Amino acid sequence: MSKLDIIIRNGTIIDGMTSKTLHRQYRSKNGKITKISKSEIKDDVKIVMGIANLIVLLDFLNVRIRTDEILLIYPTADNNIAHCAS
């Protein structure tokens, strides 16, 4: 069996850097994306998810950022915007 963790099929991918949306398949290993393809990925993995009509965000947002104390230093949260865009 392949060491790939998961394949996600038929998701609408939004990359966060452009306004494009793409209908693709993707696979990941240990939480990292290893392949994005227009055609069906046929690797042997334990988990295959079909997510037609759902959106895949390619980690351009970090929802675990804490801003409570930092807002006193950076009231406009510019530091978080820079972090998310990197």
PDB file of N, CA and C in Angstrom:
ATOM      1  N   MET A   1       0.841  -1.187   0.000  1.00  0.00           N
ATOM      2  CA  MET A   1       0.000   0.000   0.000  1.00  0.00           C
ATOM      3  C   MET A   1       0.879   1.240   0.000  1.00  0.00           C
ATOM      4  N   SER A   2       0.483   2.232  -0.734  1.00  0.00           N
ATOM      5  CA  SER A   2       1.197   3.503  -0.795  1.00  0.00           C
ATOM      6  C   SER A   2       1.202   4.183   0.573  1.00  0.00           C
ATOM      7  N   LYS A   3       2.179   5.015   0.807  1.00  0.00           N
ATOM      8  CA  LYS A   3       2.254   5.747   2.062  1.00  0.00           C
ATOM      9  C   LYS A   3       1.438   7.032   2.035  1.00  0.00           C
ATOM     10  N   LEU A   4       0.696   7.280   0.956  1.00  0.00           N
ATOM     11  CA  LEU A   4      -0.145   8.467   0.882  1.00  0.00           C
ATOM     12  C   LEU A   4      -1.312   8.319   1.833  1.00  0.00           C
ATOM     13  N   ASP A   5      -1.619   9.386   2.534  1.00  0.00           N
ATOM     14  CA  ASP A   5      -2.674   9.337   3.524  1.00  0.00           C
ATOM     15  C   ASP A   5      -4.072   9.434   2.931  1.00  0.00           C
ATOM     16  N   ILE A   6      -4.264  10.337   1.978  1.00  0.00           N
ATOM     17  CA  ILE A   6      -5.634  10.653   1.564  1.00  0.00           C
ATOM     18  C   ILE A   6      -5.671  11.138   0.113  1.00  0.00           C
ATOM     19  N   ILE A   7      -6.778  10.829  -0.549  1.00  0.00           N
ATOM     20  CA  ILE A   7      -7.082  11.405  -1.860  1.00  0.00           C
ATOM     21  C   ILE A   7      -8.428  12.104  -1.735  1.00  0.00           C
ATOM     22  N   ILE A   8      -8.502  13.323  -2.224  1.00  0.00           N
ATOM     23  CA  ILE A   8      -9.763  14.067  -2.235  1.00  0.00           C
ATOM     24  C   ILE A   8     -10.148  14.282  -3.684  1.00  0.00           C
ATOM     25  N   ARG A   9     -11.359  13.851  -4.033  1.00  0.00           N
ATOM     26  CA  ARG A   9     -11.834  13.902  -5.414  1.00  0.00           C
ATOM     27  C   ARG A   9     -12.918  14.970  -5.594  1.00  0.00           C
ATOM     28  N   ASN A  10     -12.840  15.635  -6.744  1.00  0.00           N
ATOM     29  CA  ASN A  10     -13.905  16.530  -7.222  1.00  0.00           C
ATOM     30  C   ASN A  10     -14.141  17.755  -6.351  1.00  0.00           C
ATOM     31  N   GLY A  11     -13.117  18.227  -5.670  1.00  0.00           N
ATOM     32  CA  GLY A  11     -13.259  19.447  -4.889  1.00  0.00           C
ATOM     33  C   GLY A  11     -13.024  20.669  -5.752  1.00  0.00           C
ATOM     34  N   THR A  12     -13.610  21.772  -5.365  1.00  0.00           N
ATOM     35  CA  THR A  12     -13.329  23.050  -5.993  1.00  0.00           C
ATOM     36  C   THR A  12     -12.212  23.688  -5.185  1.00  0.00           C
ATOM     37  N   ILE A  13     -11.039  23.832  -5.799  1.00  0.00           N
ATOM     38  CA  ILE A  13      -9.868  24.326  -5.088  1.00  0.00           C
ATOM     39  C   ILE A  13      -9.771  25.833  -5.242  1.00  0.00           C
ATOM     40  N   ILE A  14      -9.571  26.514  -4.130  1.00  0.00           N
ATOM     41  CA  ILE A  14      -9.298  27.948  -4.120  1.00  0.00           C
ATOM     42  C   ILE A  14      -7.909  28.103  -3.525  1.00  0.00           C
ATOM     43  N   ASP A  15      -7.008  28.740  -4.281  1.00  0.00           N
ATOM     44  CA  ASP A  15      -5.627  28.809  -3.802  1.00  0.00           C
ATOM     45  C   ASP A  15      -5.322  30.019  -2.933  1.00  0.00           C
ATOM     46  N   GLY A  16      -6.198  30.988  -2.852  1.00  0.00           N
ATOM     47  CA  GLY A  16      -5.996  32.117  -1.965  1.00  0.00           C
ATOM     48  C   GLY A  16      -5.128  33.231  -2.529  1.00  0.00           C
ATOM     49  N   MET A  17      -4.382  32.975  -3.566  1.00  0.00           N
ATOM     50  CA  MET A  17      -3.513  33.991  -4.151  1.00  0.00           C
ATOM     51  C   MET A  17      -4.118  34.586  -5.422  1.00  0.00           C
ATOM     52  N   THR A  18      -5.086  33.893  -6.022  1.00  0.00           N
ATOM     53  CA  THR A  18      -5.767  34.396  -7.211  1.00  0.00           C
ATOM     54  C   THR A  18      -7.261  34.234  -6.995  1.00  0.00           C
ATOM     55  N   SER A  19      -8.046  34.707  -7.924  1.00  0.00           N
ATOM     56  CA  SER A  19      -9.494  34.541  -7.814  1.00  0.00           C
ATOM     57  C   SER A  19      -9.980  33.308  -8.566  1.00  0.00           C
ATOM     58  N   LYS A  20      -9.042  32.496  -9.065  1.00  0.00           N
ATOM     59  CA  LYS A  20      -9.422  31.312  -9.832  1.00  0.00           C
ATOM     60  C   LYS A  20      -9.948  30.203  -8.926  1.00  0.00           C
ATOM     61  N   THR A  21     -10.905  29.458  -9.460  1.00  0.00           N
ATOM     62  CA  THR A  21     -11.331  28.220  -8.809  1.00  0.00           C
ATOM     63  C   THR A  21     -11.072  27.086  -9.791  1.00  0.00           C
ATOM     64  N   LEU A  22     -10.600  25.979  -9.284  1.00  0.00           N
ATOM     65  CA  LEU A  22     -10.234  24.835 -10.112  1.00  0.00           C
ATOM     66  C   LEU A  22     -10.941  23.590  -9.597  1.00  0.00           C
ATOM     67  N   HIS A  23     -11.451  22.779 -10.500  1.00  0.00           N
ATOM     68  CA  HIS A  23     -12.046  21.500 -10.114  1.00  0.00           C
ATOM     69  C   HIS A  23     -10.968  20.444 -10.305  1.00  0.00           C
ATOM     70  N   ARG A  24     -10.456  19.927  -9.201  1.00  0.00           N
ATOM     71  CA  ARG A  24      -9.310  19.028  -9.251  1.00  0.00           C
ATOM     72  C   ARG A  24      -9.441  17.894  -8.235  1.00  0.00           C
ATOM     73  N   GLN A  25      -8.550  16.933  -8.400  1.00  0.00           N
ATOM     74  CA  GLN A  25      -8.336  15.861  -7.437  1.00  0.00           C
ATOM     75  C   GLN A  25      -7.022  16.210  -6.738  1.00  0.00           C
ATOM     76  N   TYR A  26      -6.884  15.886  -5.479  1.00  0.00           N
ATOM     77  CA  TYR A  26      -5.560  16.055  -4.899  1.00  0.00           C
ATOM     78  C   TYR A  26      -5.288  14.971  -3.884  1.00  0.00           C
ATOM     79  N   ARG A  27      -4.004  14.726  -3.657  1.00  0.00           N
ATOM     80  CA  ARG A  27      -3.605  13.736  -2.668  1.00  0.00           C
ATOM     81  C   ARG A  27      -2.612  14.371  -1.715  1.00  0.00           C
ATOM     82  N   SER A  28      -2.576  13.850  -0.506  1.00  0.00           N
ATOM     83  CA  SER A  28      -1.653  14.381   0.486  1.00  0.00           C
ATOM     84  C   SER A  28      -1.010  13.249   1.267  1.00  0.00           C
ATOM     85  N   LYS A  29       0.160  13.538   1.799  1.00  0.00           N
ATOM     86  CA  LYS A  29       0.895  12.596   2.637  1.00  0.00           C
ATOM     87  C   LYS A  29       1.374  13.362   3.857  1.00  0.00           C
ATOM     88  N   ASN A  30       1.042  12.855   5.024  1.00  0.00           N
ATOM     89  CA  ASN A  30       1.453  13.498   6.277  1.00  0.00           C
ATOM     90  C   ASN A  30       1.064  14.974   6.323  1.00  0.00           C
ATOM     91  N   GLY A  31      -0.123  15.287   5.821  1.00  0.00           N
ATOM     92  CA  GLY A  31      -0.624  16.651   5.874  1.00  0.00           C
ATOM     93  C   GLY A  31      -0.087  17.596   4.820  1.00  0.00           C
ATOM     94  N   LYS A  32       0.738  17.131   3.907  1.00  0.00           N
ATOM     95  CA  LYS A  32       1.296  17.962   2.839  1.00  0.00           C
ATOM     96  C   LYS A  32       0.722  17.513   1.499  1.00  0.00           C
ATOM     97  N   ILE A  33       0.323  18.458   0.670  1.00  0.00           N
ATOM     98  CA  ILE A  33      -0.196  18.125  -0.651  1.00  0.00           C
ATOM     99  C   ILE A  33       0.951  17.633  -1.517  1.00  0.00           C
ATOM    100  N   THR A  34       0.772  16.464  -2.121  1.00  0.00           N
ATOM    101  CA  THR A  34       1.825  15.886  -2.954  1.00  0.00           C
ATOM    102  C   THR A  34       1.465  15.876  -4.433  1.00  0.00           C
ATOM    103  N   LYS A  35       0.182  16.031  -4.770  1.00  0.00           N
ATOM    104  CA  LYS A  35      -0.211  16.036  -6.180  1.00  0.00           C
ATOM    105  C   LYS A  35      -1.570  16.695  -6.335  1.00  0.00           C
ATOM    106  N   ILE A  36      -1.697  17.513  -7.372  1.00  0.00           N
ATOM    107  CA  ILE A  36      -2.983  18.072  -7.789  1.00  0.00           C
ATOM    108  C   ILE A  36      -3.140  17.710  -9.254  1.00  0.00           C
ATOM    109  N   SER A  37      -4.302  17.158  -9.628  1.00  0.00           N
ATOM    110  CA  SER A  37      -4.472  16.655 -10.987  1.00  0.00           C
ATOM    111  C   SER A  37      -5.876  16.926 -11.506  1.00  0.00           C
ATOM    112  N   LYS A  38      -5.973  17.179 -12.821  1.00  0.00           N
ATOM    113  CA  LYS A  38      -7.286  17.274 -13.468  1.00  0.00           C
ATOM    114  C   LYS A  38      -7.926  15.903 -13.585  1.00  0.00           C
ATOM    115  N   SER A  39      -7.098  14.890 -13.828  1.00  0.00           N
ATOM    116  CA  SER A  39      -7.626  13.533 -14.008  1.00  0.00           C
ATOM    117  C   SER A  39      -7.656  12.792 -12.669  1.00  0.00           C
ATOM    118  N   GLU A  40      -8.373  11.699 -12.651  1.00  0.00           N
ATOM    119  CA  GLU A  40      -8.538  10.926 -11.425  1.00  0.00           C
ATOM    120  C   GLU A  40      -7.208  10.332 -10.962  1.00  0.00           C
ATOM    121  N   ILE A  41      -6.913  10.489  -9.689  1.00  0.00           N
ATOM    122  CA  ILE A  41      -5.717   9.903  -9.090  1.00  0.00           C
ATOM    123  C   ILE A  41      -6.096   8.506  -8.618  1.00  0.00           C
ATOM    124  N   LYS A  42      -5.344   7.509  -9.043  1.00  0.00           N
ATOM    125  CA  LYS A  42      -5.711   6.120  -8.757  1.00  0.00           C
ATOM    126  C   LYS A  42      -4.702   5.430  -7.846  1.00  0.00           C
ATOM    127  N   ASP A  43      -4.150   6.128  -6.883  1.00  0.00           N
ATOM    128  CA  ASP A  43      -3.209   5.525  -5.949  1.00  0.00           C
ATOM    129  C   ASP A  43      -3.955   4.702  -4.907  1.00  0.00           C
ATOM    130  N   ASP A  44      -3.264   3.766  -4.313  1.00  0.00           N
ATOM    131  CA  ASP A  44      -3.834   2.902  -3.286  1.00  0.00           C
ATOM    132  C   ASP A  44      -3.632   3.560  -1.923  1.00  0.00           C
ATOM    133  N   VAL A  45      -4.678   4.138  -1.380  1.00  0.00           N
ATOM    134  CA  VAL A  45      -4.611   4.804  -0.081  1.00  0.00           C
ATOM    135  C   VAL A  45      -5.736   4.299   0.805  1.00  0.00           C
ATOM    136  N   LYS A  46      -5.650   4.586   2.080  1.00  0.00           N
ATOM    137  CA  LYS A  46      -6.684   4.141   3.014  1.00  0.00           C
ATOM    138  C   LYS A  46      -7.937   4.996   2.950  1.00  0.00           C
ATOM    139  N   ILE A  47      -7.777   6.279   2.658  1.00  0.00           N
ATOM    140  CA  ILE A  47      -8.920   7.194   2.689  1.00  0.00           C
ATOM    141  C   ILE A  47      -9.076   7.873   1.335  1.00  0.00           C
ATOM    142  N   VAL A  48     -10.272   7.760   0.753  1.00  0.00           N
ATOM    143  CA  VAL A  48     -10.629   8.482  -0.465  1.00  0.00           C
ATOM    144  C   VAL A  48     -11.926   9.220  -0.161  1.00  0.00           C
ATOM    145  N   MET A  49     -11.912  10.533  -0.342  1.00  0.00           N
ATOM    146  CA  MET A  49     -13.096  11.341  -0.057  1.00  0.00           C
ATOM    147  C   MET A  49     -13.621  11.948  -1.346  1.00  0.00           C
ATOM    148  N   GLY A  50     -14.906  11.800  -1.593  1.00  0.00           N
ATOM    149  CA  GLY A  50     -15.557  12.480  -2.701  1.00  0.00           C
ATOM    150  C   GLY A  50     -16.246  13.708  -2.150  1.00  0.00           C
ATOM    151  N   ILE A  51     -15.858  14.878  -2.621  1.00  0.00           N
ATOM    152  CA  ILE A  51     -16.408  16.109  -2.040  1.00  0.00           C
ATOM    153  C   ILE A  51     -16.984  17.032  -3.110  1.00  0.00           C
ATOM    154  N   ALA A  52     -17.717  16.481  -4.049  1.00  0.00           N
ATOM    155  CA  ALA A  52     -18.331  17.300  -5.093  1.00  0.00           C
ATOM    156  C   ALA A  52     -19.149  18.412  -4.451  1.00  0.00           C
ATOM    157  N   ASN A  53     -19.078  19.597  -5.032  1.00  0.00           N
ATOM    158  CA  ASN A  53     -19.799  20.788  -4.575  1.00  0.00           C
ATOM    159  C   ASN A  53     -19.281  21.352  -3.258  1.00  0.00           C
ATOM    160  N   LEU A  54     -18.084  20.926  -2.815  1.00  0.00           N
ATOM    161  CA  LEU A  54     -17.459  21.507  -1.630  1.00  0.00           C
ATOM    162  C   LEU A  54     -16.159  22.192  -2.037  1.00  0.00           C
ATOM    163  N   ILE A  55     -15.671  23.074  -1.184  1.00  0.00           N
ATOM    164  CA  ILE A  55     -14.484  23.866  -1.489  1.00  0.00           C
ATOM    165  C   ILE A  55     -13.289  23.369  -0.687  1.00  0.00           C
ATOM    166  N   VAL A  56     -12.131  23.324  -1.351  1.00  0.00           N
ATOM    167  CA  VAL A  56     -10.870  22.951  -0.717  1.00  0.00           C
ATOM    168  C   VAL A  56     -10.014  24.206  -0.623  1.00  0.00           C
ATOM    169  N   LEU A  57      -9.604  24.559   0.585  1.00  0.00           N
ATOM    170  CA  LEU A  57      -8.704  25.694   0.786  1.00  0.00           C
ATOM    171  C   LEU A  57      -7.309  25.141   0.999  1.00  0.00           C
ATOM    172  N   LEU A  58      -6.342  25.603   0.229  1.00  0.00           N
ATOM    173  CA  LEU A  58      -4.994  25.057   0.291  1.00  0.00           C
ATOM    174  C   LEU A  58      -4.138  25.780   1.323  1.00  0.00           C
ATOM    175  N   ASP A  59      -4.611  25.818   2.555  1.00  0.00           N
ATOM    176  CA  ASP A  59      -3.862  26.319   3.706  1.00  0.00           C
ATOM    177  C   ASP A  59      -3.333  27.730   3.532  1.00  0.00           C
ATOM    178  N   PHE A  60      -4.152  28.621   2.992  1.00  0.00           N
ATOM    179  CA  PHE A  60      -3.708  30.002   2.957  1.00  0.00           C
ATOM    180  C   PHE A  60      -4.243  30.781   4.150  1.00  0.00           C
ATOM    181  N   LEU A  61      -5.104  30.161   4.936  1.00  0.00           N
ATOM    182  CA  LEU A  61      -5.592  30.775   6.166  1.00  0.00           C
ATOM    183  C   LEU A  61      -5.159  29.930   7.354  1.00  0.00           C
ATOM    184  N   ASN A  62      -4.634  30.572   8.363  1.00  0.00           N
ATOM    185  CA  ASN A  62      -4.276  29.865   9.581  1.00  0.00           C
ATOM    186  C   ASN A  62      -5.285  30.277  10.639  1.00  0.00           C
ATOM    187  N   VAL A  63      -6.278  29.451  10.886  1.00  0.00           N
ATOM    188  CA  VAL A  63      -7.360  29.820  11.788  1.00  0.00           C
ATOM    189  C   VAL A  63      -6.968  29.698  13.252  1.00  0.00           C
ATOM    190  N   ARG A  64      -5.759  29.242  13.530  1.00  0.00           N
ATOM    191  CA  ARG A  64      -5.328  29.088  14.915  1.00  0.00           C
ATOM    192  C   ARG A  64      -4.518  30.284  15.407  1.00  0.00           C
ATOM    193  N   ILE A  65      -4.455  31.339  14.644  1.00  0.00           N
ATOM    194  CA  ILE A  65      -3.687  32.511  15.058  1.00  0.00           C
ATOM    195  C   ILE A  65      -4.397  33.188  16.224  1.00  0.00           C
ATOM    196  N   ARG A  66      -3.644  33.467  17.280  1.00  0.00           N
ATOM    197  CA  ARG A  66      -4.194  34.194  18.428  1.00  0.00           C
ATOM    198  C   ARG A  66      -3.880  35.669  18.264  1.00  0.00           C
ATOM    199  N   THR A  67      -4.890  36.500  18.373  1.00  0.00           N
ATOM    200  CA  THR A  67      -4.666  37.934  18.187  1.00  0.00           C
ATOM    201  C   THR A  67      -5.011  38.749  19.422  1.00  0.00           C
ATOM    202  N   ASP A  68      -5.459  38.123  20.478  1.00  0.00           N
ATOM    203  CA  ASP A  68      -5.919  38.873  21.650  1.00  0.00           C
ATOM    204  C   ASP A  68      -4.893  39.906  22.124  1.00  0.00           C
ATOM    205  N   GLU A  69      -3.719  39.430  22.548  1.00  0.00           N
ATOM    206  CA  GLU A  69      -2.707  40.328  23.092  1.00  0.00           C
ATOM    207  C   GLU A  69      -2.007  41.123  21.994  1.00  0.00           C
ATOM    208  N   ILE A  70      -1.835  40.521  20.836  1.00  0.00           N
ATOM    209  CA  ILE A  70      -1.104  41.154  19.742  1.00  0.00           C
ATOM    210  C   ILE A  70      -1.837  42.392  19.225  1.00  0.00           C
ATOM    211  N   LEU A  71      -3.162  42.420  19.341  1.00  0.00           N
ATOM    212  CA  LEU A  71      -3.916  43.583  18.862  1.00  0.00           C
ATOM    213  C   LEU A  71      -3.532  44.861  19.597  1.00  0.00           C
ATOM    214  N   LEU A  72      -2.988  44.739  20.808  1.00  0.00           N
ATOM    215  CA  LEU A  72      -2.516  45.926  21.520  1.00  0.00           C
ATOM    216  C   LEU A  72      -1.295  46.532  20.826  1.00  0.00           C
ATOM    217  N   ILE A  73      -0.475  45.674  20.209  1.00  0.00           N
ATOM    218  CA  ILE A  73       0.729  46.138  19.520  1.00  0.00           C
ATOM    219  C   ILE A  73       0.424  46.494  18.066  1.00  0.00           C
ATOM    220  N   TYR A  74      -0.375  45.640  17.403  1.00  0.00           N
ATOM    221  CA  TYR A  74      -0.735  45.828  15.988  1.00  0.00           C
ATOM    222  C   TYR A  74      -2.260  45.929  15.872  1.00  0.00           C
ATOM    223  N   PRO A  75      -2.830  47.090  16.121  1.00  0.00           N
ATOM    224  CA  PRO A  75      -4.293  47.219  16.142  1.00  0.00           C
ATOM    225  C   PRO A  75      -4.993  46.817  14.842  1.00  0.00           C
ATOM    226  N   THR A  76      -4.296  46.908  13.707  1.00  0.00           N
ATOM    227  CA  THR A  76      -4.921  46.538  12.435  1.00  0.00           C
ATOM    228  C   THR A  76      -4.635  45.094  12.039  1.00  0.00           C
ATOM    229  N   ALA A  77      -3.911  44.351  12.882  1.00  0.00           N
ATOM    230  CA  ALA A  77      -3.585  42.930  12.654  1.00  0.00           C
ATOM    231  C   ALA A  77      -2.811  42.704  11.358  1.00  0.00           C
ATOM    232  N   ASP A  78      -2.001  43.687  10.956  1.00  0.00           N
ATOM    233  CA  ASP A  78      -1.192  43.540   9.740  1.00  0.00           C
ATOM    234  C   ASP A  78      -0.248  42.345   9.815  1.00  0.00           C
ATOM    235  N   ASN A  79       0.229  42.030  11.005  1.00  0.00           N
ATOM    236  CA  ASN A  79       1.136  40.890  11.150  1.00  0.00           C
ATOM    237  C   ASN A  79       0.456  39.580  10.754  1.00  0.00           C
ATOM    238  N   ASN A  80      -0.824  39.428  11.029  1.00  0.00           N
ATOM    239  CA  ASN A  80      -1.540  38.204  10.643  1.00  0.00           C
ATOM    240  C   ASN A  80      -1.762  38.136   9.143  1.00  0.00           C
ATOM    241  N   ILE A  81      -2.036  39.253   8.529  1.00  0.00           N
ATOM    242  CA  ILE A  81      -2.227  39.270   7.081  1.00  0.00           C
ATOM    243  C   ILE A  81      -0.930  38.875   6.392  1.00  0.00           C
ATOM    244  N   ALA A  82       0.194  39.400   6.860  1.00  0.00           N
ATOM    245  CA  ALA A  82       1.493  39.046   6.283  1.00  0.00           C
ATOM    246  C   ALA A  82       1.785  37.572   6.492  1.00  0.00           C
ATOM    247  N   HIS A  83       1.435  37.032   7.653  1.00  0.00           N
ATOM    248  CA  HIS A  83       1.669  35.611   7.937  1.00  0.00           C
ATOM    249  C   HIS A  83       0.861  34.731   6.995  1.00  0.00           C
ATOM    250  N   CYS A  84      -0.391  35.070   6.782  1.00  0.00           N
ATOM    251  CA  CYS A  84      -1.253  34.239   5.935  1.00  0.00           C
ATOM    252  C   CYS A  84      -0.832  34.283   4.475  1.00  0.00           C
ATOM    253  N   ALA A  85      -0.265  35.377   4.032  1.00  0.00           N
ATOM    254  CA  ALA A  85       0.115  35.512   2.629  1.00  0.00           C
ATOM    255  C   ALA A  85       1.458  34.867   2.322  1.00  0.00           C
ATOM    256  N   SER A  86       2.201  34.500   3.343  1.00  0.00           N
ATOM    257  CA  SER A  86       3.531  33.917   3.086  1.00  0.00           C
ATOM    258  C   SER A  86       3.453  32.462   2.708  1.00  0.00           C
TER     259      SER A  86
END
